[in-house]
Amino acid sequence: MVNKILATFFAADGLFVLGGGLILAVALISKSQVGAEATLDNIAHILLLSHCPITPAIVNAGFIFFTFILSLPAIILGTDRLWLKIHGWFVFTSAIFTLCLGLSIWFETLKTRSKLGVMWTEQPAAVQSLLQQRFDCCGYLNSTSPPFQIDRTCPTPLVAAQKAGCVGPFSDYANHFLDVIFTADFGVVAIDAILLFCIAIVLKDRKDRERYRQIDLKNGFEPI
């Protein structure tokens, strides 16, 4: 019968691999969206995803799955502590990996406006026009810096001058989008921390059980 300590470890280990599955699913979906045709609805999404660490996220997910596999010998060998320690070190490494990904995205939110300004100037006129229509704005800082693109949102210089630049709405959208991503990453790191705590408890439990078994053997009792 599985004791409560081991059951808690199983649950945490399950959440750990589910976190890896979530990272992989989001990364693969994001990768497919980056290659999609730009439209009014997805243009901002595509631009932001193209600057996210998608490939490192896929590698991170693969490392999580490998780490989960390392937990299987520790589960099957009910009294083993070596495999459990190895699993714990890999969980720790995985947590650092995921934390670094989350922090890299978080740091991007600290310089969103300047980064988006560079991104804006790198885009062709058609993409800038889509962004203007998406956020109902003209130009980046304003209609003249850099110059706006003529489209249905900004048909003339007079109309364009009356509209705000795209820096505000585009930055707000980017910050909200990136906040969701790095918050999810930090959530996975929290699961890693819980699993590490569970591993430490299981290690102590197995150590105590081994000590009691040795005491019983010395006293002439057969272990149960």
C-alpha atoms as a PDB file:
ATOM      1  CA  MET A   1       0.000   0.000   0.000  1.00  0.00           C
ATOM      2  CA  VAL A   2       1.384   3.429  -0.935  1.00  0.00           C
ATOM      3  CA  ASN A   3       1.910   5.641   2.108  1.00  0.00           C
ATOM      4  CA  LYS A   4       0.893   9.290   2.172  1.00  0.00           C
ATOM      5  CA  ILE A   5       4.463  10.527   1.763  1.00  0.00           C
ATOM      6  CA  LEU A   6       4.986   8.514  -1.409  1.00  0.00           C
ATOM      7  CA  ALA A   7       1.529   9.456  -2.711  1.00  0.00           C
ATOM      8  CA  THR A   8       2.376  13.142  -2.307  1.00  0.00           C
ATOM      9  CA  PHE A   9       5.638  12.566  -4.174  1.00  0.00           C
ATOM     10  CA  PHE A  10       3.736  10.821  -7.005  1.00  0.00           C
ATOM     11  CA  ALA A  11       1.342  13.775  -7.253  1.00  0.00           C
ATOM     12  CA  ALA A  12       4.180  16.326  -7.337  1.00  0.00           C
ATOM     13  CA  ASP A  13       6.078  14.256  -9.902  1.00  0.00           C
ATOM     14  CA  GLY A  14       2.928  14.099 -12.029  1.00  0.00           C
ATOM     15  CA  LEU A  15       2.502  17.881 -11.854  1.00  0.00           C
ATOM     16  CA  PHE A  16       6.182  18.219 -12.768  1.00  0.00           C
ATOM     17  CA  VAL A  17       5.820  16.264 -16.012  1.00  0.00           C
ATOM     18  CA  LEU A  18       2.532  18.042 -16.774  1.00  0.00           C
ATOM     19  CA  GLY A  19       4.405  21.342 -16.473  1.00  0.00           C
ATOM     20  CA  GLY A  20       6.882  20.040 -19.033  1.00  0.00           C
ATOM     21  CA  GLY A  21       4.004  19.067 -21.293  1.00  0.00           C
ATOM     22  CA  LEU A  22       2.534  22.557 -20.970  1.00  0.00           C
ATOM     23  CA  ILE A  23       5.856  24.185 -21.874  1.00  0.00           C
ATOM     24  CA  LEU A  24       6.271  21.897 -24.887  1.00  0.00           C
ATOM     25  CA  ALA A  25       2.703  22.438 -26.117  1.00  0.00           C
ATOM     26  CA  VAL A  26       2.947  26.226 -25.832  1.00  0.00           C
ATOM     27  CA  ALA A  27       6.373  26.256 -27.519  1.00  0.00           C
ATOM     28  CA  LEU A  28       5.250  24.098 -30.453  1.00  0.00           C
ATOM     29  CA  ILE A  29       2.036  26.080 -30.932  1.00  0.00           C
ATOM     30  CA  SER A  30       4.006  29.331 -30.765  1.00  0.00           C
ATOM     31  CA  LYS A  31       6.518  28.044 -33.304  1.00  0.00           C
ATOM     32  CA  SER A  32       3.724  27.193 -35.738  1.00  0.00           C
ATOM     33  CA  GLN A  33       2.095  30.602 -35.230  1.00  0.00           C
ATOM     34  CA  VAL A  34       5.341  32.456 -35.956  1.00  0.00           C
ATOM     35  CA  GLY A  35       5.351  30.908 -39.417  1.00  0.00           C
ATOM     36  CA  ALA A  36       1.701  31.756 -40.073  1.00  0.00           C
ATOM     37  CA  GLU A  37       0.563  34.444 -42.507  1.00  0.00           C
ATOM     38  CA  ALA A  38       0.325  37.840 -40.810  1.00  0.00           C
ATOM     39  CA  THR A  39      -3.197  39.223 -40.418  1.00  0.00           C
ATOM     40  CA  LEU A  40      -4.766  42.108 -38.554  1.00  0.00           C
ATOM     41  CA  ASP A  41      -5.631  39.830 -35.630  1.00  0.00           C
ATOM     42  CA  ASN A  42      -2.350  37.970 -35.212  1.00  0.00           C
ATOM     43  CA  ILE A  43       0.361  40.421 -36.309  1.00  0.00           C
ATOM     44  CA  ALA A  44       1.244  41.657 -32.806  1.00  0.00           C
ATOM     45  CA  HIS A  45       1.158  38.081 -31.516  1.00  0.00           C
ATOM     46  CA  ILE A  46       3.545  36.893 -34.230  1.00  0.00           C
ATOM     47  CA  LEU A  47       6.035  39.726 -33.693  1.00  0.00           C
ATOM     48  CA  LEU A  48       6.222  39.125 -29.951  1.00  0.00           C
ATOM     49  CA  LEU A  49       6.510  35.347 -30.301  1.00  0.00           C
ATOM     50  CA  SER A  50       9.337  35.742 -32.807  1.00  0.00           C
ATOM     51  CA  HIS A  51      11.402  37.363 -30.039  1.00  0.00           C
ATOM     52  CA  CYS A  52      10.579  34.749 -27.380  1.00  0.00           C
ATOM     53  CA  PRO A  53      12.986  31.863 -26.527  1.00  0.00           C
ATOM     54  CA  ILE A  54      10.909  29.165 -28.242  1.00  0.00           C
ATOM     55  CA  THR A  55      13.748  26.738 -29.044  1.00  0.00           C
ATOM     56  CA  PRO A  56      15.193  26.897 -25.494  1.00  0.00           C
ATOM     57  CA  ALA A  57      11.669  26.232 -24.190  1.00  0.00           C
ATOM     58  CA  ILE A  58      11.456  23.055 -26.300  1.00  0.00           C
ATOM     59  CA  VAL A  59      14.861  21.964 -24.958  1.00  0.00           C
ATOM     60  CA  ASN A  60      13.654  22.729 -21.437  1.00  0.00           C
ATOM     61  CA  ALA A  61      10.573  20.561 -21.929  1.00  0.00           C
ATOM     62  CA  GLY A  62      12.728  17.698 -23.210  1.00  0.00           C
ATOM     63  CA  PHE A  63      14.958  18.003 -20.146  1.00  0.00           C
ATOM     64  CA  ILE A  64      11.890  17.862 -17.894  1.00  0.00           C
ATOM     65  CA  PHE A  65      10.673  14.660 -19.569  1.00  0.00           C
ATOM     66  CA  PHE A  66      14.127  13.092 -19.188  1.00  0.00           C
ATOM     67  CA  THR A  67      14.168  14.107 -15.517  1.00  0.00           C
ATOM     68  CA  PHE A  68      10.763  12.508 -15.011  1.00  0.00           C
ATOM     69  CA  ILE A  69      12.048   9.248 -16.521  1.00  0.00           C
ATOM     70  CA  LEU A  70      14.850   9.290 -13.941  1.00  0.00           C
ATOM     71  CA  SER A  71      12.214   9.193 -11.199  1.00  0.00           C
ATOM     72  CA  LEU A  72      10.859   5.827 -12.390  1.00  0.00           C
ATOM     73  CA  PRO A  73      13.726   3.703 -10.971  1.00  0.00           C
ATOM     74  CA  ALA A  74      13.357   5.587  -7.680  1.00  0.00           C
ATOM     75  CA  ILE A  75       9.660   4.695  -7.651  1.00  0.00           C
ATOM     76  CA  ILE A  76      10.109   1.064  -8.684  1.00  0.00           C
ATOM     77  CA  LEU A  77      12.988   0.454  -6.241  1.00  0.00           C
ATOM     78  CA  GLY A  78      11.031   1.228  -3.113  1.00  0.00           C
ATOM     79  CA  THR A  79      14.005   1.583  -0.754  1.00  0.00           C
ATOM     80  CA  ASP A  80      16.519   3.112  -3.174  1.00  0.00           C
ATOM     81  CA  ARG A  81      17.900   6.557  -2.395  1.00  0.00           C
ATOM     82  CA  LEU A  82      20.591   6.947  -5.058  1.00  0.00           C
ATOM     83  CA  TRP A  83      18.157   7.276  -7.972  1.00  0.00           C
ATOM     84  CA  LEU A  84      16.030   9.612  -5.884  1.00  0.00           C
ATOM     85  CA  LYS A  85      19.040  11.860  -5.231  1.00  0.00           C
ATOM     86  CA  ILE A  86      19.935  11.855  -8.940  1.00  0.00           C
ATOM     87  CA  HIS A  87      16.331  12.732  -9.760  1.00  0.00           C
ATOM     88  CA  GLY A  88      16.460  15.561  -7.225  1.00  0.00           C
ATOM     89  CA  TRP A  89      19.573  17.096  -8.774  1.00  0.00           C
ATOM     90  CA  PHE A  90      18.026  16.961 -12.227  1.00  0.00           C
ATOM     91  CA  VAL A  91      14.838  18.576 -10.901  1.00  0.00           C
ATOM     92  CA  PHE A  92      16.981  21.348  -9.399  1.00  0.00           C
ATOM     93  CA  THR A  93      18.774  21.858 -12.729  1.00  0.00           C
ATOM     94  CA  SER A  94      15.442  21.886 -14.567  1.00  0.00           C
ATOM     95  CA  ALA A  95      14.098  24.503 -12.154  1.00  0.00           C
ATOM     96  CA  ILE A  96      17.132  26.738 -12.799  1.00  0.00           C
ATOM     97  CA  PHE A  97      16.665  26.287 -16.566  1.00  0.00           C
ATOM     98  CA  THR A  98      12.979  27.218 -16.400  1.00  0.00           C
ATOM     99  CA  LEU A  99      13.703  30.116 -14.042  1.00  0.00           C
ATOM    100  CA  CYS A 100      16.277  31.528 -16.467  1.00  0.00           C
ATOM    101  CA  LEU A 101      13.728  31.387 -19.296  1.00  0.00           C
ATOM    102  CA  GLY A 102      11.161  33.197 -17.175  1.00  0.00           C
ATOM    103  CA  LEU A 103      13.675  35.823 -16.061  1.00  0.00           C
ATOM    104  CA  SER A 104      14.832  36.438 -19.635  1.00  0.00           C
ATOM    105  CA  ILE A 105      11.237  37.204 -20.628  1.00  0.00           C
ATOM    106  CA  TRP A 106      10.681  39.302 -17.498  1.00  0.00           C
ATOM    107  CA  PHE A 107      13.769  41.393 -18.271  1.00  0.00           C
ATOM    108  CA  GLU A 108      12.283  42.057 -21.715  1.00  0.00           C
ATOM    109  CA  THR A 109       9.243  43.667 -20.054  1.00  0.00           C
ATOM    110  CA  LEU A 110      11.556  46.158 -18.318  1.00  0.00           C
ATOM    111  CA  LYS A 111      12.630  47.615 -21.652  1.00  0.00           C
ATOM    112  CA  THR A 112       9.506  47.000 -23.706  1.00  0.00           C
ATOM    113  CA  ARG A 113       9.211  50.450 -25.260  1.00  0.00           C
ATOM    114  CA  SER A 114      12.795  50.637 -26.520  1.00  0.00           C
ATOM    115  CA  LYS A 115      12.708  47.043 -27.778  1.00  0.00           C
ATOM    116  CA  LEU A 116       9.419  47.579 -29.590  1.00  0.00           C
ATOM    117  CA  GLY A 117      10.799  50.764 -31.135  1.00  0.00           C
ATOM    118  CA  VAL A 118      13.648  48.803 -32.705  1.00  0.00           C
ATOM    119  CA  MET A 119      11.235  46.051 -33.727  1.00  0.00           C
ATOM    120  CA  TRP A 120       8.928  48.611 -35.347  1.00  0.00           C
ATOM    121  CA  THR A 121      11.654  50.178 -37.492  1.00  0.00           C
ATOM    122  CA  GLU A 122      12.760  46.725 -38.684  1.00  0.00           C
ATOM    123  CA  GLN A 123       9.312  45.902 -40.062  1.00  0.00           C
ATOM    124  CA  PRO A 124       8.243  46.535 -43.667  1.00  0.00           C
ATOM    125  CA  ALA A 125       5.571  49.102 -44.413  1.00  0.00           C
ATOM    126  CA  ALA A 126       2.851  46.431 -44.718  1.00  0.00           C
ATOM    127  CA  VAL A 127       3.495  45.158 -41.186  1.00  0.00           C
ATOM    128  CA  GLN A 128       3.591  48.675 -39.735  1.00  0.00           C
ATOM    129  CA  SER A 129       0.268  49.345 -41.426  1.00  0.00           C
ATOM    130  CA  LEU A 130      -1.254  46.212 -39.881  1.00  0.00           C
ATOM    131  CA  LEU A 131      -0.063  47.327 -36.449  1.00  0.00           C
ATOM    132  CA  GLN A 132      -1.549  50.795 -36.986  1.00  0.00           C
ATOM    133  CA  GLN A 133      -4.885  49.259 -37.882  1.00  0.00           C
ATOM    134  CA  ARG A 134      -4.660  46.731 -35.042  1.00  0.00           C
ATOM    135  CA  PHE A 135      -4.126  49.399 -32.367  1.00  0.00           C
ATOM    136  CA  ASP A 136      -5.866  52.357 -34.082  1.00  0.00           C
ATOM    137  CA  CYS A 137      -2.751  54.543 -34.045  1.00  0.00           C
ATOM    138  CA  CYS A 138      -0.369  56.264 -36.449  1.00  0.00           C
ATOM    139  CA  GLY A 139       3.408  55.917 -36.419  1.00  0.00           C
ATOM    140  CA  TYR A 140       5.292  54.602 -33.402  1.00  0.00           C
ATOM    141  CA  LEU A 141       6.017  57.535 -31.069  1.00  0.00           C
ATOM    142  CA  ASN A 142       3.666  59.746 -33.112  1.00  0.00           C
ATOM    143  CA  SER A 143       2.586  60.186 -36.706  1.00  0.00           C
ATOM    144  CA  THR A 144       5.952  61.652 -37.725  1.00  0.00           C
ATOM    145  CA  SER A 145       8.433  59.631 -35.635  1.00  0.00           C
ATOM    146  CA  PRO A 146       8.822  57.412 -37.507  1.00  0.00           C
ATOM    147  CA  PRO A 147       6.495  58.529 -40.310  1.00  0.00           C
ATOM    148  CA  PHE A 148       3.127  56.765 -40.379  1.00  0.00           C
ATOM    149  CA  GLN A 149       2.035  54.416 -43.151  1.00  0.00           C
ATOM    150  CA  ILE A 150      -0.935  55.486 -45.246  1.00  0.00           C
ATOM    151  CA  ASP A 151      -3.860  53.092 -44.726  1.00  0.00           C
ATOM    152  CA  ARG A 152      -7.534  53.159 -43.746  1.00  0.00           C
ATOM    153  CA  THR A 153      -6.631  54.079 -40.147  1.00  0.00           C
ATOM    154  CA  CYS A 154      -4.235  56.863 -41.142  1.00  0.00           C
ATOM    155  CA  PRO A 155      -5.411  58.002 -44.613  1.00  0.00           C
ATOM    156  CA  THR A 156      -4.004  61.562 -44.455  1.00  0.00           C
ATOM    157  CA  PRO A 157      -1.417  63.523 -42.431  1.00  0.00           C
ATOM    158  CA  LEU A 158      -4.245  65.518 -40.800  1.00  0.00           C
ATOM    159  CA  VAL A 159      -6.046  62.401 -39.559  1.00  0.00           C
ATOM    160  CA  ALA A 160      -2.753  60.811 -38.516  1.00  0.00           C
ATOM    161  CA  ALA A 161      -1.747  63.866 -36.479  1.00  0.00           C
ATOM    162  CA  GLN A 162      -4.963  63.568 -34.458  1.00  0.00           C
ATOM    163  CA  LYS A 163      -4.211  59.963 -33.449  1.00  0.00           C
ATOM    164  CA  ALA A 164      -1.718  58.829 -30.831  1.00  0.00           C
ATOM    165  CA  GLY A 165       1.384  56.860 -31.711  1.00  0.00           C
ATOM    166  CA  CYS A 166       1.367  53.082 -31.403  1.00  0.00           C
ATOM    167  CA  VAL A 167       3.955  52.986 -28.615  1.00  0.00           C
ATOM    168  CA  GLY A 168       1.307  53.103 -25.865  1.00  0.00           C
ATOM    169  CA  PRO A 169      -1.184  50.433 -26.960  1.00  0.00           C
ATOM    170  CA  PHE A 170       1.515  48.206 -28.461  1.00  0.00           C
ATOM    171  CA  SER A 171       3.574  48.328 -25.236  1.00  0.00           C
ATOM    172  CA  ASP A 172       0.519  47.586 -23.090  1.00  0.00           C
ATOM    173  CA  TYR A 173      -0.344  44.602 -25.265  1.00  0.00           C
ATOM    174  CA  ALA A 174       3.250  43.334 -25.195  1.00  0.00           C
ATOM    175  CA  ASN A 175       3.558  43.675 -21.417  1.00  0.00           C
ATOM    176  CA  HIS A 176       0.319  41.793 -20.814  1.00  0.00           C
ATOM    177  CA  PHE A 177       1.324  39.080 -23.282  1.00  0.00           C
ATOM    178  CA  LEU A 178       4.801  38.621 -21.785  1.00  0.00           C
ATOM    179  CA  ASP A 179       3.436  38.771 -18.224  1.00  0.00           C
ATOM    180  CA  VAL A 180       1.311  35.696 -18.913  1.00  0.00           C
ATOM    181  CA  ILE A 181       4.299  33.789 -20.300  1.00  0.00           C
ATOM    182  CA  PHE A 182       6.808  34.493 -17.534  1.00  0.00           C
ATOM    183  CA  THR A 183       4.151  34.011 -14.833  1.00  0.00           C
ATOM    184  CA  ALA A 184       3.443  30.550 -16.252  1.00  0.00           C
ATOM    185  CA  ASP A 185       7.192  29.826 -16.229  1.00  0.00           C
ATOM    186  CA  PHE A 186       7.462  30.862 -12.591  1.00  0.00           C
ATOM    187  CA  GLY A 187       4.465  28.648 -11.833  1.00  0.00           C
ATOM    188  CA  VAL A 188       6.367  25.663 -13.239  1.00  0.00           C
ATOM    189  CA  VAL A 189       9.368  26.631 -11.080  1.00  0.00           C
ATOM    190  CA  ALA A 190       7.065  26.621  -8.036  1.00  0.00           C
ATOM    191  CA  ILE A 191       6.020  23.055  -8.924  1.00  0.00           C
ATOM    192  CA  ASP A 192       9.713  22.141  -9.178  1.00  0.00           C
ATOM    193  CA  ALA A 193      10.288  23.541  -5.685  1.00  0.00           C
ATOM    194  CA  ILE A 194       7.381  21.501  -4.306  1.00  0.00           C
ATOM    195  CA  LEU A 195       8.762  18.361  -5.943  1.00  0.00           C
ATOM    196  CA  LEU A 196      12.218  19.008  -4.459  1.00  0.00           C
ATOM    197  CA  PHE A 197      10.614  19.333  -1.034  1.00  0.00           C
ATOM    198  CA  CYS A 198       8.754  16.050  -1.566  1.00  0.00           C
ATOM    199  CA  ILE A 199      11.977  14.330  -2.686  1.00  0.00           C
ATOM    200  CA  ALA A 200      13.713  15.501   0.495  1.00  0.00           C
ATOM    201  CA  ILE A 201      10.869  14.097   2.611  1.00  0.00           C
ATOM    202  CA  VAL A 202      10.904  10.748   0.788  1.00  0.00           C
ATOM    203  CA  LEU A 203      14.688  10.552   1.195  1.00  0.00           C
ATOM    204  CA  LYS A 204      14.386  11.145   4.930  1.00  0.00           C
ATOM    205  CA  ASP A 205      11.562   8.607   5.193  1.00  0.00           C
ATOM    206  CA  ARG A 206      13.585   5.948   3.380  1.00  0.00           C
ATOM    207  CA  LYS A 207      16.657   6.714   5.462  1.00  0.00           C
ATOM    208  CA  ASP A 208      14.637   6.329   8.667  1.00  0.00           C
ATOM    209  CA  ARG A 209      13.083   3.090   7.460  1.00  0.00           C
ATOM    210  CA  GLU A 210      16.540   1.712   6.626  1.00  0.00           C
ATOM    211  CA  ARG A 211      17.820   2.715  10.055  1.00  0.00           C
ATOM    212  CA  TYR A 212      14.896   0.998  11.770  1.00  0.00           C
ATOM    213  CA  ARG A 213      15.473  -2.082   9.635  1.00  0.00           C
ATOM    214  CA  GLN A 214      19.114  -2.217  10.696  1.00  0.00           C
ATOM    215  CA  ILE A 215      18.104  -1.840  14.339  1.00  0.00           C
ATOM    216  CA  ASP A 216      15.604  -4.688  13.982  1.00  0.00           C
ATOM    217  CA  LEU A 217      18.268  -6.894  12.395  1.00  0.00           C
ATOM    218  CA  LYS A 218      20.687  -6.190  15.241  1.00  0.00           C
ATOM    219  CA  ASN A 219      17.984  -7.051  17.758  1.00  0.00           C
ATOM    220  CA  GLY A 220      17.249 -10.317  15.995  1.00  0.00           C
ATOM    221  CA  PHE A 221      13.926  -9.260  14.494  1.00  0.00           C
ATOM    222  CA  GLU A 222      13.066  -9.986  10.884  1.00  0.00           C
ATOM    223  CA  PRO A 223      12.094  -6.845   8.918  1.00  0.00           C
ATOM    224  CA  ILE A 224       8.443  -6.659   7.946  1.00  0.00           C
END
